[in-house]
């Protein structure tokens, strides 16, 4: 049982006083300040995780770039494969090479930052995704929002872009009375909101499910002495392990979806090709 307790502790799970089952609460995503409290630089646990993961990513990429060779080794080849994957399978697949070259650095940054921030949710000692509060997804969504408006103004001009988005050819005027405000709401609110909320909701839901499974396992295997309950603990442990693996896949999937939708929205700001 001690080994199970250590595993639960590494996963960040605890029991309430008196040995009662403690259900994960939404307050986990609003932790108190732990560094520089009361100053403009105050940091809670999630912000600290973001800083640590950012430093790790910069070190990995910086060391890889400083040791790059004409004939890449295994590590350099792996890093280059990741960048080429985003470039070819997301950016060029949606925008084509001519348009896409401008946005490869941006989309690579979005993809890898979201991916590694999402993985924090299953790394022992971190135990919560760095994207599990609204600010980080909102920042990336705002970046996409700014970029597709810049692209629209540069490639078409603001008026031409709004005309293309809000007044499709062949639509009767009475329909336009409803369509124009709906399209404006789409490009101004729904697109950035959908990017933000999709990522946020998936990261929160995944963390709560994993936390619930391991909290239940700790309760069933350590606190209770009923054999039937202990059998249930084995089931919840397996469920938690499976969900942890699934969360690793979701970390990639949400990064891929966010990067792809960002590319699609920017590409929609360009004029339609004849």
C-alpha atoms as a PDB file:
ATOM      1  CA  UNK A   1       0.000   0.000   0.000  1.00  0.00           C
ATOM      2  CA  UNK A   2       2.923   2.372   0.637  1.00  0.00           C
ATOM      3  CA  UNK A   3       3.875   2.228  -3.027  1.00  0.00           C
ATOM      4  CA  UNK A   4       0.350   3.223  -4.027  1.00  0.00           C
ATOM      5  CA  UNK A   5       0.408   6.102  -1.533  1.00  0.00           C
ATOM      6  CA  UNK A   6       3.678   7.371  -2.982  1.00  0.00           C
ATOM      7  CA  UNK A   7       2.212   7.196  -6.481  1.00  0.00           C
ATOM      8  CA  UNK A   8      -0.848   9.151  -5.417  1.00  0.00           C
ATOM      9  CA  UNK A   9       1.365  11.711  -3.706  1.00  0.00           C
ATOM     10  CA  UNK A  10       3.411  12.134  -6.884  1.00  0.00           C
ATOM     11  CA  UNK A  11       0.163  12.704  -8.735  1.00  0.00           C
ATOM     12  CA  UNK A  12      -0.697  15.501  -6.298  1.00  0.00           C
ATOM     13  CA  UNK A  13      -3.652  13.703  -4.666  1.00  0.00           C
ATOM     14  CA  UNK A  14      -4.455  13.916  -0.960  1.00  0.00           C
ATOM     15  CA  UNK A  15      -7.207  12.759   1.341  1.00  0.00           C
ATOM     16  CA  UNK A  16      -9.283  15.104   3.437  1.00  0.00           C
ATOM     17  CA  UNK A  17      -8.899  15.081   7.209  1.00  0.00           C
ATOM     18  CA  UNK A  18     -10.558  12.050   8.751  1.00  0.00           C
ATOM     19  CA  UNK A  19      -9.863   9.831   5.744  1.00  0.00           C
ATOM     20  CA  UNK A  20     -12.798  11.013   3.686  1.00  0.00           C
ATOM     21  CA  UNK A  21     -12.662  11.040  -0.108  1.00  0.00           C
ATOM     22  CA  UNK A  22     -11.694  14.491  -1.345  1.00  0.00           C
ATOM     23  CA  UNK A  23     -13.233  15.390  -4.692  1.00  0.00           C
ATOM     24  CA  UNK A  24     -11.061  17.667  -6.887  1.00  0.00           C
ATOM     25  CA  UNK A  25     -12.404  21.213  -6.838  1.00  0.00           C
ATOM     26  CA  UNK A  26     -12.320  23.988  -9.423  1.00  0.00           C
ATOM     27  CA  UNK A  27     -10.318  26.023  -6.860  1.00  0.00           C
ATOM     28  CA  UNK A  28      -7.280  23.977  -7.904  1.00  0.00           C
ATOM     29  CA  UNK A  29      -7.107  26.213 -10.954  1.00  0.00           C
ATOM     30  CA  UNK A  30      -7.010  29.400  -8.840  1.00  0.00           C
ATOM     31  CA  UNK A  31      -4.169  28.579  -6.421  1.00  0.00           C
ATOM     32  CA  UNK A  32      -2.862  31.192  -3.952  1.00  0.00           C
ATOM     33  CA  UNK A  33       0.269  33.214  -4.628  1.00  0.00           C
ATOM     34  CA  UNK A  34       3.450  31.436  -3.568  1.00  0.00           C
ATOM     35  CA  UNK A  35       6.161  33.854  -4.746  1.00  0.00           C
ATOM     36  CA  UNK A  36       6.414  37.650  -4.581  1.00  0.00           C
ATOM     37  CA  UNK A  37       2.945  37.922  -3.028  1.00  0.00           C
ATOM     38  CA  UNK A  38       1.533  41.432  -2.950  1.00  0.00           C
ATOM     39  CA  UNK A  39       3.769  42.683  -5.769  1.00  0.00           C
ATOM     40  CA  UNK A  40       3.136  43.100  -9.530  1.00  0.00           C
ATOM     41  CA  UNK A  41       5.349  40.001  -9.987  1.00  0.00           C
ATOM     42  CA  UNK A  42       3.253  37.729  -7.774  1.00  0.00           C
ATOM     43  CA  UNK A  43       3.245  34.119  -8.970  1.00  0.00           C
ATOM     44  CA  UNK A  44       0.950  31.244  -8.119  1.00  0.00           C
ATOM     45  CA  UNK A  45       1.658  27.596  -8.879  1.00  0.00           C
ATOM     46  CA  UNK A  46       0.314  27.675 -12.441  1.00  0.00           C
ATOM     47  CA  UNK A  47       2.325  30.772 -13.376  1.00  0.00           C
ATOM     48  CA  UNK A  48       5.431  29.154 -11.891  1.00  0.00           C
ATOM     49  CA  UNK A  49       4.794  26.037 -13.989  1.00  0.00           C
ATOM     50  CA  UNK A  50       4.543  28.232 -17.095  1.00  0.00           C
ATOM     51  CA  UNK A  51       7.844  29.927 -16.300  1.00  0.00           C
ATOM     52  CA  UNK A  52       9.608  26.623 -15.627  1.00  0.00           C
ATOM     53  CA  UNK A  53       8.287  24.995 -18.804  1.00  0.00           C
ATOM     54  CA  UNK A  54       9.163  28.078 -20.875  1.00  0.00           C
ATOM     55  CA  UNK A  55      12.734  27.973 -19.569  1.00  0.00           C
ATOM     56  CA  UNK A  56      12.941  24.247 -20.373  1.00  0.00           C
ATOM     57  CA  UNK A  57      11.702  24.810 -23.935  1.00  0.00           C
ATOM     58  CA  UNK A  58      14.117  27.712 -24.504  1.00  0.00           C
ATOM     59  CA  UNK A  59      17.020  25.643 -23.205  1.00  0.00           C
ATOM     60  CA  UNK A  60      16.126  22.691 -25.427  1.00  0.00           C
ATOM     61  CA  UNK A  61      15.743  24.826 -28.548  1.00  0.00           C
ATOM     62  CA  UNK A  62      18.726  27.042 -27.732  1.00  0.00           C
ATOM     63  CA  UNK A  63      21.089  24.130 -27.146  1.00  0.00           C
ATOM     64  CA  UNK A  64      19.772  22.352 -30.252  1.00  0.00           C
ATOM     65  CA  UNK A  65      20.298  25.467 -32.384  1.00  0.00           C
ATOM     66  CA  UNK A  66      23.799  26.131 -31.015  1.00  0.00           C
ATOM     67  CA  UNK A  67      24.885  22.563 -31.818  1.00  0.00           C
ATOM     68  CA  UNK A  68      23.184  22.299 -35.205  1.00  0.00           C
ATOM     69  CA  UNK A  69      25.235  20.600 -37.915  1.00  0.00           C
ATOM     70  CA  UNK A  70      24.887  20.317 -41.667  1.00  0.00           C
ATOM     71  CA  UNK A  71      24.383  16.578 -41.259  1.00  0.00           C
ATOM     72  CA  UNK A  72      21.982  16.319 -38.317  1.00  0.00           C
ATOM     73  CA  UNK A  73      22.357  13.792 -35.558  1.00  0.00           C
ATOM     74  CA  UNK A  74      19.438  11.968 -33.969  1.00  0.00           C
ATOM     75  CA  UNK A  75      18.429  14.772 -31.613  1.00  0.00           C
ATOM     76  CA  UNK A  76      18.752  17.530 -34.217  1.00  0.00           C
ATOM     77  CA  UNK A  77      16.870  15.365 -36.696  1.00  0.00           C
ATOM     78  CA  UNK A  78      14.071  14.862 -34.164  1.00  0.00           C
ATOM     79  CA  UNK A  79      13.757  18.600 -33.487  1.00  0.00           C
ATOM     80  CA  UNK A  80      13.811  19.406 -37.193  1.00  0.00           C
ATOM     81  CA  UNK A  81      11.196  16.722 -37.841  1.00  0.00           C
ATOM     82  CA  UNK A  82       8.871  18.399 -35.319  1.00  0.00           C
ATOM     83  CA  UNK A  83       9.259  21.793 -36.973  1.00  0.00           C
ATOM     84  CA  UNK A  84       8.823  20.334 -40.443  1.00  0.00           C
ATOM     85  CA  UNK A  85       5.703  18.495 -39.273  1.00  0.00           C
ATOM     86  CA  UNK A  86       4.036  21.742 -38.238  1.00  0.00           C
ATOM     87  CA  UNK A  87       5.265  23.512 -41.363  1.00  0.00           C
ATOM     88  CA  UNK A  88       4.182  20.852 -43.871  1.00  0.00           C
ATOM     89  CA  UNK A  89       1.152  19.233 -42.209  1.00  0.00           C
ATOM     90  CA  UNK A  90      -0.455  22.361 -40.780  1.00  0.00           C
ATOM     91  CA  UNK A  91       0.764  25.607 -42.336  1.00  0.00           C
ATOM     92  CA  UNK A  92       1.529  24.546 -45.916  1.00  0.00           C
ATOM     93  CA  UNK A  93      -1.389  22.097 -45.964  1.00  0.00           C
ATOM     94  CA  UNK A  94      -3.820  24.955 -45.248  1.00  0.00           C
ATOM     95  CA  UNK A  95      -2.174  28.020 -46.771  1.00  0.00           C
ATOM     96  CA  UNK A  96       0.263  26.682 -49.328  1.00  0.00           C
ATOM     97  CA  UNK A  97       3.984  27.391 -49.309  1.00  0.00           C
ATOM     98  CA  UNK A  98       3.828  30.899 -50.781  1.00  0.00           C
ATOM     99  CA  UNK A  99       1.477  32.303 -48.128  1.00  0.00           C
ATOM    100  CA  UNK A 100       2.527  29.991 -45.361  1.00  0.00           C
ATOM    101  CA  UNK A 101       6.224  30.900 -45.097  1.00  0.00           C
ATOM    102  CA  UNK A 102       5.329  34.118 -43.291  1.00  0.00           C
ATOM    103  CA  UNK A 103       3.415  32.236 -40.575  1.00  0.00           C
ATOM    104  CA  UNK A 104       5.592  29.164 -39.950  1.00  0.00           C
ATOM    105  CA  UNK A 105       7.397  30.726 -36.934  1.00  0.00           C
ATOM    106  CA  UNK A 106       4.119  31.872 -35.386  1.00  0.00           C
ATOM    107  CA  UNK A 107       2.278  28.563 -35.802  1.00  0.00           C
ATOM    108  CA  UNK A 108       5.298  26.560 -34.613  1.00  0.00           C
ATOM    109  CA  UNK A 109       5.448  28.732 -31.492  1.00  0.00           C
ATOM    110  CA  UNK A 110       1.733  28.247 -30.834  1.00  0.00           C
ATOM    111  CA  UNK A 111       1.833  24.495 -31.439  1.00  0.00           C
ATOM    112  CA  UNK A 112       4.870  23.631 -29.335  1.00  0.00           C
ATOM    113  CA  UNK A 113       4.078  26.016 -26.482  1.00  0.00           C
ATOM    114  CA  UNK A 114       0.519  24.709 -26.141  1.00  0.00           C
ATOM    115  CA  UNK A 115       1.705  21.107 -26.468  1.00  0.00           C
ATOM    116  CA  UNK A 116       4.338  21.375 -23.736  1.00  0.00           C
ATOM    117  CA  UNK A 117       2.102  23.492 -21.510  1.00  0.00           C
ATOM    118  CA  UNK A 118      -0.631  20.865 -21.860  1.00  0.00           C
ATOM    119  CA  UNK A 119       1.795  18.069 -20.941  1.00  0.00           C
ATOM    120  CA  UNK A 120       2.414  19.731 -17.571  1.00  0.00           C
ATOM    121  CA  UNK A 121      -0.890  18.201 -16.464  1.00  0.00           C
ATOM    122  CA  UNK A 122       0.619  14.685 -16.395  1.00  0.00           C
ATOM    123  CA  UNK A 123       4.158  15.525 -15.251  1.00  0.00           C
ATOM    124  CA  UNK A 124       4.681  14.576 -11.546  1.00  0.00           C
ATOM    125  CA  UNK A 125       5.339  17.659  -9.459  1.00  0.00           C
ATOM    126  CA  UNK A 126       3.435  19.918 -11.846  1.00  0.00           C
ATOM    127  CA  UNK A 127       0.140  18.017 -12.068  1.00  0.00           C
ATOM    128  CA  UNK A 128      -1.838  20.741 -13.807  1.00  0.00           C
ATOM    129  CA  UNK A 129      -1.751  21.960 -17.397  1.00  0.00           C
ATOM    130  CA  UNK A 130      -0.274  25.437 -17.768  1.00  0.00           C
ATOM    131  CA  UNK A 131      -3.169  26.157 -20.157  1.00  0.00           C
ATOM    132  CA  UNK A 132      -5.810  25.268 -17.555  1.00  0.00           C
ATOM    133  CA  UNK A 133      -6.640  28.880 -16.726  1.00  0.00           C
ATOM    134  CA  UNK A 134      -8.189  31.219 -19.233  1.00  0.00           C
ATOM    135  CA  UNK A 135      -5.329  33.717 -19.613  1.00  0.00           C
ATOM    136  CA  UNK A 136      -2.900  31.514 -21.575  1.00  0.00           C
ATOM    137  CA  UNK A 137      -5.446  30.257 -24.156  1.00  0.00           C
ATOM    138  CA  UNK A 138      -6.783  33.814 -24.422  1.00  0.00           C
ATOM    139  CA  UNK A 139      -3.329  35.209 -25.209  1.00  0.00           C
ATOM    140  CA  UNK A 140      -2.814  32.736 -28.048  1.00  0.00           C
ATOM    141  CA  UNK A 141      -6.333  33.390 -29.358  1.00  0.00           C
ATOM    142  CA  UNK A 142      -5.697  37.148 -29.242  1.00  0.00           C
ATOM    143  CA  UNK A 143      -2.452  36.647 -31.176  1.00  0.00           C
ATOM    144  CA  UNK A 144      -4.362  34.778 -33.880  1.00  0.00           C
ATOM    145  CA  UNK A 145      -7.102  37.439 -33.839  1.00  0.00           C
ATOM    146  CA  UNK A 146      -4.572  40.242 -34.393  1.00  0.00           C
ATOM    147  CA  UNK A 147      -2.779  38.337 -37.136  1.00  0.00           C
ATOM    148  CA  UNK A 148      -5.857  37.582 -39.227  1.00  0.00           C
ATOM    149  CA  UNK A 149      -6.971  41.210 -39.035  1.00  0.00           C
ATOM    150  CA  UNK A 150      -3.483  42.370 -40.041  1.00  0.00           C
ATOM    151  CA  UNK A 151      -3.520  39.912 -42.939  1.00  0.00           C
ATOM    152  CA  UNK A 152      -6.990  41.098 -43.996  1.00  0.00           C
ATOM    153  CA  UNK A 153      -6.033  44.776 -43.973  1.00  0.00           C
ATOM    154  CA  UNK A 154      -2.739  44.124 -45.764  1.00  0.00           C
ATOM    155  CA  UNK A 155      -4.046  41.772 -48.458  1.00  0.00           C
ATOM    156  CA  UNK A 156      -7.527  43.170 -49.124  1.00  0.00           C
ATOM    157  CA  UNK A 157      -8.065  46.358 -47.198  1.00  0.00           C
ATOM    158  CA  UNK A 158     -10.479  46.548 -44.278  1.00  0.00           C
ATOM    159  CA  UNK A 159     -13.581  47.436 -46.317  1.00  0.00           C
ATOM    160  CA  UNK A 160     -13.003  44.742 -48.939  1.00  0.00           C
ATOM    161  CA  UNK A 161     -12.413  42.135 -46.226  1.00  0.00           C
ATOM    162  CA  UNK A 162     -15.584  43.014 -44.348  1.00  0.00           C
ATOM    163  CA  UNK A 163     -17.526  42.982 -47.610  1.00  0.00           C
ATOM    164  CA  UNK A 164     -16.202  39.519 -48.470  1.00  0.00           C
ATOM    165  CA  UNK A 165     -16.976  38.133 -45.020  1.00  0.00           C
ATOM    166  CA  UNK A 166     -20.347  39.768 -44.408  1.00  0.00           C
ATOM    167  CA  UNK A 167     -21.979  40.025 -47.833  1.00  0.00           C
ATOM    168  CA  UNK A 168     -21.488  36.836 -49.868  1.00  0.00           C
ATOM    169  CA  UNK A 169     -22.513  37.267 -53.522  1.00  0.00           C
ATOM    170  CA  UNK A 170     -26.032  36.196 -54.446  1.00  0.00           C
ATOM    171  CA  UNK A 171     -27.526  36.624 -50.971  1.00  0.00           C
ATOM    172  CA  UNK A 172     -30.843  38.592 -51.003  1.00  0.00           C
ATOM    173  CA  UNK A 173     -30.883  41.905 -49.158  1.00  0.00           C
ATOM    174  CA  UNK A 174     -33.456  40.838 -46.510  1.00  0.00           C
ATOM    175  CA  UNK A 175     -31.174  37.943 -45.556  1.00  0.00           C
ATOM    176  CA  UNK A 176     -28.205  40.306 -45.296  1.00  0.00           C
ATOM    177  CA  UNK A 177     -29.987  42.173 -42.505  1.00  0.00           C
ATOM    178  CA  UNK A 178     -29.527  39.068 -40.359  1.00  0.00           C
ATOM    179  CA  UNK A 179     -26.342  37.752 -41.953  1.00  0.00           C
ATOM    180  CA  UNK A 180     -24.142  40.848 -41.580  1.00  0.00           C
ATOM    181  CA  UNK A 181     -24.363  41.131 -37.758  1.00  0.00           C
ATOM    182  CA  UNK A 182     -23.977  37.354 -37.422  1.00  0.00           C
ATOM    183  CA  UNK A 183     -20.806  37.393 -39.527  1.00  0.00           C
ATOM    184  CA  UNK A 184     -19.427  40.331 -37.580  1.00  0.00           C
ATOM    185  CA  UNK A 185     -20.048  38.479 -34.318  1.00  0.00           C
ATOM    186  CA  UNK A 186     -18.280  35.463 -35.811  1.00  0.00           C
ATOM    187  CA  UNK A 187     -15.070  37.241 -36.796  1.00  0.00           C
ATOM    188  CA  UNK A 188     -14.967  39.533 -33.763  1.00  0.00           C
ATOM    189  CA  UNK A 189     -16.080  37.227 -30.937  1.00  0.00           C
ATOM    190  CA  UNK A 190     -16.830  33.612 -31.872  1.00  0.00           C
ATOM    191  CA  UNK A 191     -13.497  32.768 -33.516  1.00  0.00           C
ATOM    192  CA  UNK A 192     -11.238  33.905 -30.653  1.00  0.00           C
ATOM    193  CA  UNK A 193     -13.736  32.686 -28.043  1.00  0.00           C
ATOM    194  CA  UNK A 194     -13.931  29.215 -29.614  1.00  0.00           C
ATOM    195  CA  UNK A 195     -10.137  28.925 -29.666  1.00  0.00           C
ATOM    196  CA  UNK A 196      -9.922  29.990 -26.030  1.00  0.00           C
ATOM    197  CA  UNK A 197     -12.762  27.937 -24.568  1.00  0.00           C
ATOM    198  CA  UNK A 198     -12.033  24.728 -26.492  1.00  0.00           C
ATOM    199  CA  UNK A 199      -8.483  24.541 -25.163  1.00  0.00           C
ATOM    200  CA  UNK A 200      -9.408  25.677 -21.660  1.00  0.00           C
ATOM    201  CA  UNK A 201     -12.343  23.277 -21.247  1.00  0.00           C
ATOM    202  CA  UNK A 202     -10.414  20.234 -22.479  1.00  0.00           C
ATOM    203  CA  UNK A 203      -7.478  20.882 -20.161  1.00  0.00           C
ATOM    204  CA  UNK A 204      -9.688  21.457 -17.107  1.00  0.00           C
ATOM    205  CA  UNK A 205     -11.871  18.427 -17.827  1.00  0.00           C
ATOM    206  CA  UNK A 206      -8.903  16.127 -18.366  1.00  0.00           C
ATOM    207  CA  UNK A 207      -7.186  17.231 -15.164  1.00  0.00           C
ATOM    208  CA  UNK A 208     -10.332  16.784 -13.083  1.00  0.00           C
ATOM    209  CA  UNK A 209     -11.001  13.282 -14.458  1.00  0.00           C
ATOM    210  CA  UNK A 210      -7.442  12.096 -13.788  1.00  0.00           C
ATOM    211  CA  UNK A 211      -7.460  13.695 -10.337  1.00  0.00           C
ATOM    212  CA  UNK A 212     -10.810  12.104  -9.503  1.00  0.00           C
ATOM    213  CA  UNK A 213      -9.627   8.634 -10.563  1.00  0.00           C
ATOM    214  CA  UNK A 214      -6.466   8.773  -8.454  1.00  0.00           C
ATOM    215  CA  UNK A 215      -8.237  10.373  -5.480  1.00  0.00           C
ATOM    216  CA  UNK A 216     -10.764   7.529  -5.542  1.00  0.00           C
ATOM    217  CA  UNK A 217      -7.933   4.985  -5.842  1.00  0.00           C
ATOM    218  CA  UNK A 218      -6.194   6.389  -2.783  1.00  0.00           C
ATOM    219  CA  UNK A 219      -9.425   6.276  -0.808  1.00  0.00           C
ATOM    220  CA  UNK A 220     -10.404   2.750  -1.874  1.00  0.00           C
ATOM    221  CA  UNK A 221      -6.961   1.131  -1.470  1.00  0.00           C
ATOM    222  CA  UNK A 222      -5.575   2.928   1.582  1.00  0.00           C
ATOM    223  CA  UNK A 223      -8.443   4.157   3.746  1.00  0.00           C
ATOM    224  CA  UNK A 224     -11.077   1.467   3.378  1.00  0.00           C
ATOM    225  CA  UNK A 225     -10.585  -2.133   4.480  1.00  0.00           C
ATOM    226  CA  UNK A 226     -13.506  -3.556   2.533  1.00  0.00           C
ATOM    227  CA  UNK A 227     -12.256  -5.961  -0.146  1.00  0.00           C
ATOM    228  CA  UNK A 228     -15.021  -5.009  -2.553  1.00  0.00           C
ATOM    229  CA  UNK A 229     -14.051  -1.368  -2.201  1.00  0.00           C
ATOM    230  CA  UNK A 230     -10.393  -2.267  -2.726  1.00  0.00           C
ATOM    231  CA  UNK A 231     -11.359  -4.012  -5.960  1.00  0.00           C
ATOM    232  CA  UNK A 232     -13.035  -0.787  -7.039  1.00  0.00           C
ATOM    233  CA  UNK A 233      -9.758   0.955  -6.240  1.00  0.00           C
ATOM    234  CA  UNK A 234      -7.942  -1.258  -8.719  1.00  0.00           C
ATOM    235  CA  UNK A 235     -10.484  -0.277 -11.380  1.00  0.00           C
ATOM    236  CA  UNK A 236     -10.098   3.436 -10.659  1.00  0.00           C
ATOM    237  CA  UNK A 237      -6.290   3.075 -10.677  1.00  0.00           C
ATOM    238  CA  UNK A 238      -6.387   1.458 -14.123  1.00  0.00           C
ATOM    239  CA  UNK A 239      -8.850   4.132 -15.242  1.00  0.00           C
ATOM    240  CA  UNK A 240      -6.546   6.877 -13.974  1.00  0.00           C
ATOM    241  CA  UNK A 241      -3.554   5.334 -15.744  1.00  0.00           C
ATOM    242  CA  UNK A 242      -5.484   5.028 -19.014  1.00  0.00           C
ATOM    243  CA  UNK A 243      -6.764   8.599 -18.695  1.00  0.00           C
ATOM    244  CA  UNK A 244      -3.205   9.822 -18.079  1.00  0.00           C
ATOM    245  CA  UNK A 245      -2.116   8.246 -21.361  1.00  0.00           C
ATOM    246  CA  UNK A 246      -5.197   9.701 -23.041  1.00  0.00           C
ATOM    247  CA  UNK A 247      -4.335  13.148 -21.655  1.00  0.00           C
ATOM    248  CA  UNK A 248      -0.927  12.915 -23.336  1.00  0.00           C
ATOM    249  CA  UNK A 249      -2.754  12.373 -26.628  1.00  0.00           C
ATOM    250  CA  UNK A 250      -5.181  15.215 -25.853  1.00  0.00           C
ATOM    251  CA  UNK A 251      -2.195  17.492 -25.155  1.00  0.00           C
ATOM    252  CA  UNK A 252      -1.035  16.904 -28.731  1.00  0.00           C
ATOM    253  CA  UNK A 253      -4.530  16.957 -30.214  1.00  0.00           C
ATOM    254  CA  UNK A 254      -5.489  20.305 -28.686  1.00  0.00           C
ATOM    255  CA  UNK A 255      -2.209  21.867 -29.797  1.00  0.00           C
ATOM    256  CA  UNK A 256      -2.822  20.536 -33.320  1.00  0.00           C
ATOM    257  CA  UNK A 257      -6.425  21.801 -33.411  1.00  0.00           C
ATOM    258  CA  UNK A 258      -5.497  25.241 -32.078  1.00  0.00           C
ATOM    259  CA  UNK A 259      -2.612  25.624 -34.536  1.00  0.00           C
ATOM    260  CA  UNK A 260      -4.722  24.380 -37.459  1.00  0.00           C
ATOM    261  CA  UNK A 261      -7.676  26.665 -36.700  1.00  0.00           C
ATOM    262  CA  UNK A 262      -5.325  29.631 -36.260  1.00  0.00           C
ATOM    263  CA  UNK A 263      -3.883  28.894 -39.699  1.00  0.00           C
ATOM    264  CA  UNK A 264      -7.360  28.511 -41.208  1.00  0.00           C
ATOM    265  CA  UNK A 265      -8.578  31.821 -39.752  1.00  0.00           C
ATOM    266  CA  UNK A 266      -5.523  33.679 -41.048  1.00  0.00           C
ATOM    267  CA  UNK A 267      -5.885  32.060 -44.466  1.00  0.00           C
ATOM    268  CA  UNK A 268      -9.542  33.152 -44.615  1.00  0.00           C
ATOM    269  CA  UNK A 269      -8.334  36.754 -44.395  1.00  0.00           C
ATOM    270  CA  UNK A 270      -6.706  36.466 -47.797  1.00  0.00           C
ATOM    271  CA  UNK A 271      -8.741  37.198 -50.936  1.00  0.00           C
ATOM    272  CA  UNK A 272     -10.319  34.213 -52.618  1.00  0.00           C
ATOM    273  CA  UNK A 273      -8.288  32.884 -55.516  1.00  0.00           C
ATOM    274  CA  UNK A 274      -9.990  32.767 -58.893  1.00  0.00           C
END
